[in-house]
Amino acid sequence: MTEHLENILRRPIISEKSIRLAKESQYTFEVLSNANKIQVKHAVEKMFENVKVAHVEIVVATPKTTRSLRTRRQRSRRGGYKKAIVKLSKGTIPIFEGVKG
């Protein structure tokens, strides 16, 4: 089952590391858990015009357990997610340009 390309990219990930990577033409996005590198490449090239993707790296962030601040006994679990680091050979993505690094 193939997903629509518009739904592959869930959101951009804005962090200190992703801003540093954006200066080197590498952009970080949270993607669907069943997305692969080819789907991510096509989704980025379709969503952002005048962009050519050179390389896609997929990283799976594992879920983490946390404790309650009040009782310290209750444990909960933050969900994991999949992220893609996209390296561009041509063009820039305007979402990351406005963020100061």
Protein backbone atom coordinates (compact mmCIF):
# COMPACT_ATOMS: atom_id res chain seq x y z
CA MET A 1 0.00 0.00 0.00
CA THR A 2 1.48 3.32 -1.03
CA GLU A 3 0.88 6.54 0.84
CA HIS A 4 0.20 9.86 -0.83
CA LEU A 5 3.40 11.88 -1.12
CA GLU A 6 1.85 14.83 0.72
CA ASN A 7 1.35 12.68 3.83
CA ILE A 8 4.88 11.22 4.02
CA LEU A 9 6.44 14.31 5.66
CA ARG A 10 4.75 14.93 8.99
CA ARG A 11 6.66 17.98 10.26
CA PRO A 12 10.12 19.57 10.17
CA ILE A 13 12.26 18.93 13.24
CA ILE A 14 13.70 22.19 14.59
CA SER A 15 16.51 21.60 17.07
CA GLU A 16 20.07 22.81 17.59
CA LYS A 17 21.44 19.92 15.58
CA SER A 18 18.96 20.31 12.72
CA ILE A 19 19.74 24.03 12.42
CA ARG A 20 23.46 23.26 12.29
CA LEU A 21 22.81 20.62 9.61
CA ALA A 22 20.64 23.05 7.61
CA LYS A 23 23.70 25.24 7.07
CA GLU A 24 25.25 22.23 5.28
CA SER A 25 22.14 21.65 3.09
CA GLN A 26 20.84 18.81 5.28
CA TYR A 27 17.26 19.08 6.51
CA THR A 28 15.48 16.96 9.14
CA PHE A 29 11.83 15.87 8.97
CA GLU A 30 9.62 13.55 10.97
CA VAL A 31 8.16 11.02 8.54
CA LEU A 32 5.56 8.26 8.63
CA SER A 33 6.69 5.08 10.35
CA ASN A 34 6.30 3.01 7.17
CA ALA A 35 8.00 5.49 4.80
CA ASN A 36 11.15 4.49 2.96
CA LYS A 37 14.00 6.53 1.46
CA ILE A 38 12.58 6.62 -2.06
CA GLN A 39 9.18 7.86 -0.85
CA VAL A 40 10.85 10.57 1.28
CA LYS A 41 12.96 11.71 -1.68
CA HIS A 42 9.92 12.01 -3.98
CA ALA A 43 7.87 13.76 -1.28
CA VAL A 44 10.56 16.41 -0.64
CA GLU A 45 11.09 17.05 -4.35
CA LYS A 46 7.33 17.38 -4.91
CA MET A 47 6.60 19.53 -1.86
CA PHE A 48 9.46 22.01 -2.33
CA GLU A 49 10.05 23.30 -5.86
CA ASN A 50 13.54 23.76 -7.34
CA VAL A 51 15.01 21.20 -4.92
CA LYS A 52 17.10 18.18 -5.90
CA VAL A 53 17.67 15.49 -3.24
CA ALA A 54 21.12 13.88 -3.26
CA HIS A 55 20.84 11.53 -0.28
CA VAL A 56 18.30 10.43 2.37
CA GLU A 57 19.21 8.94 5.74
CA ILE A 58 16.52 7.34 7.92
CA VAL A 59 16.80 7.24 11.74
CA VAL A 60 14.32 5.55 14.08
CA ALA A 61 14.04 7.33 17.45
CA THR A 62 13.18 4.76 20.10
CA PRO A 63 10.38 5.33 22.62
CA LYS A 64 11.53 6.46 26.06
CA THR A 65 10.07 5.85 29.50
CA THR A 66 9.51 8.76 31.88
CA ARG A 67 8.54 9.04 35.51
CA SER A 68 5.88 11.19 37.09
CA LEU A 69 7.28 14.37 38.64
CA ARG A 70 4.98 14.15 41.65
CA THR A 71 5.17 10.51 42.76
CA ARG A 72 8.21 9.22 40.86
CA ARG A 73 6.54 5.80 40.83
CA GLN A 74 4.21 6.16 37.90
CA ARG A 75 5.91 5.44 34.63
CA SER A 76 4.70 6.48 31.25
CA ARG A 77 6.07 6.05 27.79
CA ARG A 78 6.76 8.67 25.16
CA GLY A 79 6.20 7.36 21.67
CA GLY A 80 9.02 6.81 19.22
CA TYR A 81 9.10 8.22 15.72
CA LYS A 82 10.98 7.98 12.46
CA LYS A 83 12.97 10.88 11.08
CA ALA A 84 14.68 11.49 7.78
CA ILE A 85 17.78 13.61 7.21
CA VAL A 86 17.65 14.85 3.62
CA LYS A 87 20.80 16.16 1.89
CA LEU A 88 20.16 18.46 -1.05
CA SER A 89 22.40 18.88 -4.06
CA LYS A 90 20.42 21.84 -5.42
CA GLY A 91 18.16 24.42 -3.78
CA THR A 92 17.15 25.27 -0.21
CA ILE A 93 14.10 24.65 1.94
CA PRO A 94 12.59 27.94 3.18
CA ILE A 95 11.23 26.53 6.47
CA PHE A 96 14.70 26.39 7.97
CA GLU A 97 15.91 29.77 6.65
CA GLY A 98 13.93 31.87 9.14
CA VAL A 99 15.27 30.05 12.20
CA LYS A 100 18.31 31.67 13.81
CA GLY A 101 21.14 29.30 14.66
